[in-house]
């Protein structure tokens, strides 16, 4: 059973996201919100993009629970 619920604010500890940050990408690209929790335990995280601008939207990606931490 997951300790996460939809709407939780989370940090994702993922090598790919860390690499993007190290190359000058968004510094908070690992901050998101739980969008769904799948039956297999994967956590679908929604990441805001261009937050606070007229081009604001979001992107989602699944991560295993061991890479996700509540903020």
PDB file of N, CA and C in Angstrom:
ATOM      1  N   UNK A   1       0.844  -1.195   0.000  1.00  0.00           N
ATOM      2  CA  UNK A   1       0.000   0.000   0.000  1.00  0.00           C
ATOM      3  C   UNK A   1       0.877   1.242   0.000  1.00  0.00           C
ATOM      4  N   UNK A   2       0.519   2.218  -0.786  1.00  0.00           N
ATOM      5  CA  UNK A   2       1.294   3.441  -0.930  1.00  0.00           C
ATOM      6  C   UNK A   2       0.946   4.443   0.164  1.00  0.00           C
ATOM      7  N   UNK A   3       1.958   5.185   0.608  1.00  0.00           N
ATOM      8  CA  UNK A   3       1.738   6.285   1.552  1.00  0.00           C
ATOM      9  C   UNK A   3       1.343   7.556   0.812  1.00  0.00           C
ATOM     10  N   UNK A   4       1.327   7.506  -0.505  1.00  0.00           N
ATOM     11  CA  UNK A   4       1.019   8.671  -1.313  1.00  0.00           C
ATOM     12  C   UNK A   4      -0.460   8.725  -1.637  1.00  0.00           C
ATOM     13  N   UNK A   5      -0.933   9.956  -1.889  1.00  0.00           N
ATOM     14  CA  UNK A   5      -2.304  10.126  -2.371  1.00  0.00           C
ATOM     15  C   UNK A   5      -2.300  11.197  -3.456  1.00  0.00           C
ATOM     16  N   UNK A   6      -3.291  11.150  -4.312  1.00  0.00           N
ATOM     17  CA  UNK A   6      -3.410  12.133  -5.385  1.00  0.00           C
ATOM     18  C   UNK A   6      -3.444  13.531  -4.771  1.00  0.00           C
ATOM     19  N   UNK A   7      -2.655  14.420  -5.335  1.00  0.00           N
ATOM     20  CA  UNK A   7      -2.574  15.791  -4.841  1.00  0.00           C
ATOM     21  C   UNK A   7      -1.371  16.069  -3.962  1.00  0.00           C
ATOM     22  N   UNK A   8      -0.694  15.008  -3.467  1.00  0.00           N
ATOM     23  CA  UNK A   8       0.503  15.223  -2.654  1.00  0.00           C
ATOM     24  C   UNK A   8       1.573  15.936  -3.462  1.00  0.00           C
ATOM     25  N   UNK A   9       2.226  16.913  -2.842  1.00  0.00           N
ATOM     26  CA  UNK A   9       3.379  17.567  -3.453  1.00  0.00           C
ATOM     27  C   UNK A   9       4.594  16.683  -3.195  1.00  0.00           C
ATOM     28  N   UNK A  10       5.375  16.426  -4.259  1.00  0.00           N
ATOM     29  CA  UNK A  10       6.483  15.489  -4.144  1.00  0.00           C
ATOM     30  C   UNK A  10       7.754  16.005  -4.813  1.00  0.00           C
ATOM     31  N   UNK A  11       8.865  15.373  -4.432  1.00  0.00           N
ATOM     32  CA  UNK A  11      10.158  15.521  -5.094  1.00  0.00           C
ATOM     33  C   UNK A  11      10.449  14.183  -5.751  1.00  0.00           C
ATOM     34  N   UNK A  12      10.994  14.211  -6.956  1.00  0.00           N
ATOM     35  CA  UNK A  12      11.357  12.973  -7.647  1.00  0.00           C
ATOM     36  C   UNK A  12      12.884  12.908  -7.700  1.00  0.00           C
ATOM     37  N   UNK A  13      13.442  11.831  -7.148  1.00  0.00           N
ATOM     38  CA  UNK A  13      14.889  11.607  -7.141  1.00  0.00           C
ATOM     39  C   UNK A  13      15.196  10.645  -8.285  1.00  0.00           C
ATOM     40  N   UNK A  14      15.534  11.220  -9.447  1.00  0.00           N
ATOM     41  CA  UNK A  14      15.714  10.442 -10.653  1.00  0.00           C
ATOM     42  C   UNK A  14      16.970  10.936 -11.363  1.00  0.00           C
ATOM     43  N   UNK A  15      17.818   9.999 -11.817  1.00  0.00           N
ATOM     44  CA  UNK A  15      19.079  10.368 -12.463  1.00  0.00           C
ATOM     45  C   UNK A  15      18.866  11.227 -13.707  1.00  0.00           C
ATOM     46  N   UNK A  16      17.852  10.918 -14.490  1.00  0.00           N
ATOM     47  CA  UNK A  16      17.592  11.683 -15.706  1.00  0.00           C
ATOM     48  C   UNK A  16      17.247  13.123 -15.409  1.00  0.00           C
ATOM     49  N   UNK A  17      16.383  13.338 -14.411  1.00  0.00           N
ATOM     50  CA  UNK A  17      16.019  14.706 -14.036  1.00  0.00           C
ATOM     51  C   UNK A  17      17.223  15.453 -13.466  1.00  0.00           C
ATOM     52  N   UNK A  18      18.061  14.755 -12.680  1.00  0.00           N
ATOM     53  CA  UNK A  18      19.261  15.379 -12.118  1.00  0.00           C
ATOM     54  C   UNK A  18      20.228  15.781 -13.230  1.00  0.00           C
ATOM     55  N   UNK A  19      20.346  14.951 -14.265  1.00  0.00           N
ATOM     56  CA  UNK A  19      21.234  15.272 -15.371  1.00  0.00           C
ATOM     57  C   UNK A  19      20.755  16.527 -16.104  1.00  0.00           C
ATOM     58  N   UNK A  20      19.444  16.632 -16.321  1.00  0.00           N
ATOM     59  CA  UNK A  20      18.893  17.825 -16.979  1.00  0.00           C
ATOM     60  C   UNK A  20      19.217  19.076 -16.170  1.00  0.00           C
ATOM     61  N   UNK A  21      19.056  18.998 -14.826  1.00  0.00           N
ATOM     62  CA  UNK A  21      19.387  20.146 -13.971  1.00  0.00           C
ATOM     63  C   UNK A  21      20.861  20.499 -14.095  1.00  0.00           C
ATOM     64  N   UNK A  22      21.747  19.476 -14.117  1.00  0.00           N
ATOM     65  CA  UNK A  22      23.194  19.733 -14.175  1.00  0.00           C
ATOM     66  C   UNK A  22      23.613  20.363 -15.493  1.00  0.00           C
ATOM     67  N   UNK A  23      22.821  20.182 -16.529  1.00  0.00           N
ATOM     68  CA  UNK A  23      23.129  20.754 -17.840  1.00  0.00           C
ATOM     69  C   UNK A  23      22.483  22.124 -18.043  1.00  0.00           C
ATOM     70  N   UNK A  24      21.938  22.697 -16.968  1.00  0.00           N
ATOM     71  CA  UNK A  24      21.360  24.033 -17.044  1.00  0.00           C
ATOM     72  C   UNK A  24      19.860  24.060 -17.252  1.00  0.00           C
ATOM     73  N   UNK A  25      19.227  22.911 -17.105  1.00  0.00           N
ATOM     74  CA  UNK A  25      17.770  22.856 -17.220  1.00  0.00           C
ATOM     75  C   UNK A  25      17.111  23.481 -15.999  1.00  0.00           C
ATOM     76  N   UNK A  26      15.797  23.432 -15.940  1.00  0.00           N
ATOM     77  CA  UNK A  26      15.083  24.027 -14.799  1.00  0.00           C
ATOM     78  C   UNK A  26      15.564  23.451 -13.471  1.00  0.00           C
ATOM     79  N   UNK A  27      15.851  24.338 -12.498  1.00  0.00           N
ATOM     80  CA  UNK A  27      16.392  23.866 -11.217  1.00  0.00           C
ATOM     81  C   UNK A  27      15.363  23.108 -10.380  1.00  0.00           C
ATOM     82  N   UNK A  28      14.084  23.328 -10.621  1.00  0.00           N
ATOM     83  CA  UNK A  28      13.047  22.630  -9.853  1.00  0.00           C
ATOM     84  C   UNK A  28      12.318  21.599 -10.702  1.00  0.00           C
ATOM     85  N   UNK A  29      13.004  21.007 -11.682  1.00  0.00           N
ATOM     86  CA  UNK A  29      12.339  20.063 -12.575  1.00  0.00           C
ATOM     87  C   UNK A  29      11.942  18.763 -11.875  1.00  0.00           C
ATOM     88  N   UNK A  30      12.299  18.614 -10.619  1.00  0.00           N
ATOM     89  CA  UNK A  30      11.958  17.412  -9.864  1.00  0.00           C
ATOM     90  C   UNK A  30      10.837  17.662  -8.846  1.00  0.00           C
ATOM     91  N   UNK A  31      10.221  18.842  -8.870  1.00  0.00           N
ATOM     92  CA  UNK A  31       9.100  19.178  -7.990  1.00  0.00           C
ATOM     93  C   UNK A  31       7.803  18.934  -8.751  1.00  0.00           C
ATOM     94  N   UNK A  32       6.908  18.144  -8.177  1.00  0.00           N
ATOM     95  CA  UNK A  32       5.650  17.870  -8.858  1.00  0.00           C
ATOM     96  C   UNK A  32       4.540  17.527  -7.887  1.00  0.00           C
ATOM     97  N   UNK A  33       3.449  17.019  -8.453  1.00  0.00           N
ATOM     98  CA  UNK A  33       2.261  16.646  -7.687  1.00  0.00           C
ATOM     99  C   UNK A  33       1.802  15.272  -8.154  1.00  0.00           C
ATOM    100  N   UNK A  34       1.406  14.428  -7.209  1.00  0.00           N
ATOM    101  CA  UNK A  34       0.907  13.097  -7.567  1.00  0.00           C
ATOM    102  C   UNK A  34      -0.402  13.258  -8.336  1.00  0.00           C
ATOM    103  N   UNK A  35      -0.423  12.732  -9.566  1.00  0.00           N
ATOM    104  CA  UNK A  35      -1.615  12.796 -10.410  1.00  0.00           C
ATOM    105  C   UNK A  35      -2.427  11.503 -10.311  1.00  0.00           C
ATOM    106  N   UNK A  36      -1.737  10.370 -10.239  1.00  0.00           N
ATOM    107  CA  UNK A  36      -2.390   9.052 -10.134  1.00  0.00           C
ATOM    108  C   UNK A  36      -1.449   8.094  -9.437  1.00  0.00           C
ATOM    109  N   UNK A  37      -2.019   7.056  -8.862  1.00  0.00           N
ATOM    110  CA  UNK A  37      -1.246   5.941  -8.328  1.00  0.00           C
ATOM    111  C   UNK A  37      -1.766   4.697  -9.023  1.00  0.00           C
ATOM    112  N   UNK A  38      -0.890   4.037  -9.754  1.00  0.00           N
ATOM    113  CA  UNK A  38      -1.291   2.885 -10.547  1.00  0.00           C
ATOM    114  C   UNK A  38      -1.336   1.613  -9.700  1.00  0.00           C
ATOM    115  N   UNK A  39      -2.079   0.622 -10.159  1.00  0.00           N
ATOM    116  CA  UNK A  39      -2.221  -0.650  -9.442  1.00  0.00           C
ATOM    117  C   UNK A  39      -0.881  -1.331  -9.183  1.00  0.00           C
ATOM    118  N   UNK A  40       0.088  -1.128 -10.085  1.00  0.00           N
ATOM    119  CA  UNK A  40       1.397  -1.767  -9.913  1.00  0.00           C
ATOM    120  C   UNK A  40       2.321  -0.977  -8.988  1.00  0.00           C
ATOM    121  N   UNK A  41       1.815   0.125  -8.393  1.00  0.00           N
ATOM    122  CA  UNK A  41       2.583   0.927  -7.448  1.00  0.00           C
ATOM    123  C   UNK A  41       3.262   2.138  -8.050  1.00  0.00           C
ATOM    124  N   UNK A  42       3.341   2.206  -9.375  1.00  0.00           N
ATOM    125  CA  UNK A  42       3.965   3.368 -10.008  1.00  0.00           C
ATOM    126  C   UNK A  42       3.167   4.628  -9.676  1.00  0.00           C
ATOM    127  N   UNK A  43       3.900   5.726  -9.546  1.00  0.00           N
ATOM    128  CA  UNK A  43       3.277   6.999  -9.192  1.00  0.00           C
ATOM    129  C   UNK A  43       3.406   7.938 -10.388  1.00  0.00           C
ATOM    130  N   UNK A  44       2.282   8.390 -10.905  1.00  0.00           N
ATOM    131  CA  UNK A  44       2.261   9.328 -12.019  1.00  0.00           C
ATOM    132  C   UNK A  44       2.372  10.728 -11.431  1.00  0.00           C
ATOM    133  N   UNK A  45       3.463  11.417 -11.783  1.00  0.00           N
ATOM    134  CA  UNK A  45       3.738  12.744 -11.233  1.00  0.00           C
ATOM    135  C   UNK A  45       3.513  13.797 -12.317  1.00  0.00           C
ATOM    136  N   UNK A  46       2.784  14.838 -11.951  1.00  0.00           N
ATOM    137  CA  UNK A  46       2.539  15.966 -12.859  1.00  0.00           C
ATOM    138  C   UNK A  46       3.512  17.082 -12.515  1.00  0.00           C
ATOM    139  N   UNK A  47       4.215  17.562 -13.540  1.00  0.00           N
ATOM    140  CA  UNK A  47       5.194  18.632 -13.375  1.00  0.00           C
ATOM    141  C   UNK A  47       4.686  19.895 -14.066  1.00  0.00           C
ATOM    142  N   UNK A  48       4.666  21.024 -13.357  1.00  0.00           N
ATOM    143  CA  UNK A  48       4.252  22.281 -13.994  1.00  0.00           C
ATOM    144  C   UNK A  48       5.354  22.773 -14.934  1.00  0.00           C
ATOM    145  N   UNK A  49       4.952  23.365 -16.049  1.00  0.00           N
ATOM    146  CA  UNK A  49       5.892  23.953 -17.003  1.00  0.00           C
ATOM    147  C   UNK A  49       5.438  25.384 -17.278  1.00  0.00           C
ATOM    148  N   UNK A  50       6.387  26.297 -17.221  1.00  0.00           N
ATOM    149  CA  UNK A  50       6.108  27.722 -17.434  1.00  0.00           C
ATOM    150  C   UNK A  50       5.057  28.247 -16.465  1.00  0.00           C
ATOM    151  N   UNK A  51       5.134  27.785 -15.228  1.00  0.00           N
ATOM    152  CA  UNK A  51       4.150  28.177 -14.218  1.00  0.00           C
ATOM    153  C   UNK A  51       4.103  29.697 -14.052  1.00  0.00           C
ATOM    154  N   UNK A  52       2.896  30.231 -14.009  1.00  0.00           N
ATOM    155  CA  UNK A  52       2.696  31.649 -13.814  1.00  0.00           C
ATOM    156  C   UNK A  52       2.806  32.477 -15.080  1.00  0.00           C
ATOM    157  N   UNK A  53       2.912  31.803 -16.223  1.00  0.00           N
ATOM    158  CA  UNK A  53       2.980  32.537 -17.496  1.00  0.00           C
ATOM    159  C   UNK A  53       1.755  32.203 -18.335  1.00  0.00           C
ATOM    160  N   UNK A  54       1.608  32.902 -19.433  1.00  0.00           N
ATOM    161  CA  UNK A  54       0.486  32.618 -20.331  1.00  0.00           C
ATOM    162  C   UNK A  54       0.668  31.278 -21.049  1.00  0.00           C
ATOM    163  N   UNK A  55       1.879  30.724 -20.997  1.00  0.00           N
ATOM    164  CA  UNK A  55       2.161  29.438 -21.638  1.00  0.00           C
ATOM    165  C   UNK A  55       2.201  28.293 -20.625  1.00  0.00           C
ATOM    166  N   UNK A  56       1.581  28.490 -19.465  1.00  0.00           N
ATOM    167  CA  UNK A  56       1.596  27.468 -18.417  1.00  0.00           C
ATOM    168  C   UNK A  56       0.885  26.198 -18.885  1.00  0.00           C
ATOM    169  N   UNK A  57       1.510  25.065 -18.642  1.00  0.00           N
ATOM    170  CA  UNK A  57       0.927  23.756 -18.909  1.00  0.00           C
ATOM    171  C   UNK A  57       1.633  22.754 -18.006  1.00  0.00           C
ATOM    172  N   UNK A  58       1.414  21.492 -18.207  1.00  0.00           N
ATOM    173  CA  UNK A  58       2.082  20.505 -17.371  1.00  0.00           C
ATOM    174  C   UNK A  58       2.447  19.277 -18.194  1.00  0.00           C
ATOM    175  N   UNK A  59       3.266  18.448 -17.581  1.00  0.00           N
ATOM    176  CA  UNK A  59       3.720  17.205 -18.187  1.00  0.00           C
ATOM    177  C   UNK A  59       3.643  16.148 -17.093  1.00  0.00           C
ATOM    178  N   UNK A  60       3.310  14.910 -17.458  1.00  0.00           N
ATOM    179  CA  UNK A  60       3.255  13.834 -16.470  1.00  0.00           C
ATOM    180  C   UNK A  60       4.215  12.715 -16.868  1.00  0.00           C
ATOM    181  N   UNK A  61       4.719  12.017 -15.844  1.00  0.00           N
ATOM    182  CA  UNK A  61       5.592  10.875 -16.066  1.00  0.00           C
ATOM    183  C   UNK A  61       5.467   9.934 -14.872  1.00  0.00           C
ATOM    184  N   UNK A  62       5.566   8.618 -15.113  1.00  0.00           N
ATOM    185  CA  UNK A  62       5.484   7.649 -14.014  1.00  0.00           C
ATOM    186  C   UNK A  62       6.858   7.379 -13.396  1.00  0.00           C
ATOM    187  N   UNK A  63       6.857   7.188 -12.073  1.00  0.00           N
ATOM    188  CA  UNK A  63       8.079   6.870 -11.341  1.00  0.00           C
ATOM    189  C   UNK A  63       7.777   5.802 -10.306  1.00  0.00           C
ATOM    190  N   UNK A  64       8.757   4.947 -10.001  1.00  0.00           N
ATOM    191  CA  UNK A  64       8.572   3.968  -8.932  1.00  0.00           C
ATOM    192  C   UNK A  64       8.564   4.694  -7.576  1.00  0.00           C
ATOM    193  N   UNK A  65       7.859   4.155  -6.606  1.00  0.00           N
ATOM    194  CA  UNK A  65       7.736   4.847  -5.320  1.00  0.00           C
ATOM    195  C   UNK A  65       9.074   5.110  -4.624  1.00  0.00           C
ATOM    196  N   UNK A  66      10.093   4.298  -4.893  1.00  0.00           N
ATOM    197  CA  UNK A  66      11.397   4.532  -4.250  1.00  0.00           C
ATOM    198  C   UNK A  66      12.110   5.771  -4.788  1.00  0.00           C
ATOM    199  N   UNK A  67      11.609   6.373  -5.881  1.00  0.00           N
ATOM    200  CA  UNK A  67      12.190   7.597  -6.417  1.00  0.00           C
ATOM    201  C   UNK A  67      11.365   8.829  -6.068  1.00  0.00           C
ATOM    202  N   UNK A  68      10.290   8.652  -5.298  1.00  0.00           N
ATOM    203  CA  UNK A  68       9.371   9.745  -4.996  1.00  0.00           C
ATOM    204  C   UNK A  68       9.333   9.980  -3.492  1.00  0.00           C
ATOM    205  N   UNK A  69       9.405  11.258  -3.106  1.00  0.00           N
ATOM    206  CA  UNK A  69       9.388  11.641  -1.695  1.00  0.00           C
ATOM    207  C   UNK A  69       8.400  12.787  -1.517  1.00  0.00           C
ATOM    208  N   UNK A  70       7.610  12.743  -0.442  1.00  0.00           N
ATOM    209  CA  UNK A  70       6.700  13.860  -0.139  1.00  0.00           C
ATOM    210  C   UNK A  70       7.505  15.088   0.222  1.00  0.00           C
ATOM    211  N   UNK A  71       6.992  16.260  -0.212  1.00  0.00           N
ATOM    212  CA  UNK A  71       7.631  17.539   0.160  1.00  0.00           C
ATOM    213  C   UNK A  71       7.000  18.059   1.422  1.00  0.00           C
TER     214      UNK A  71
END
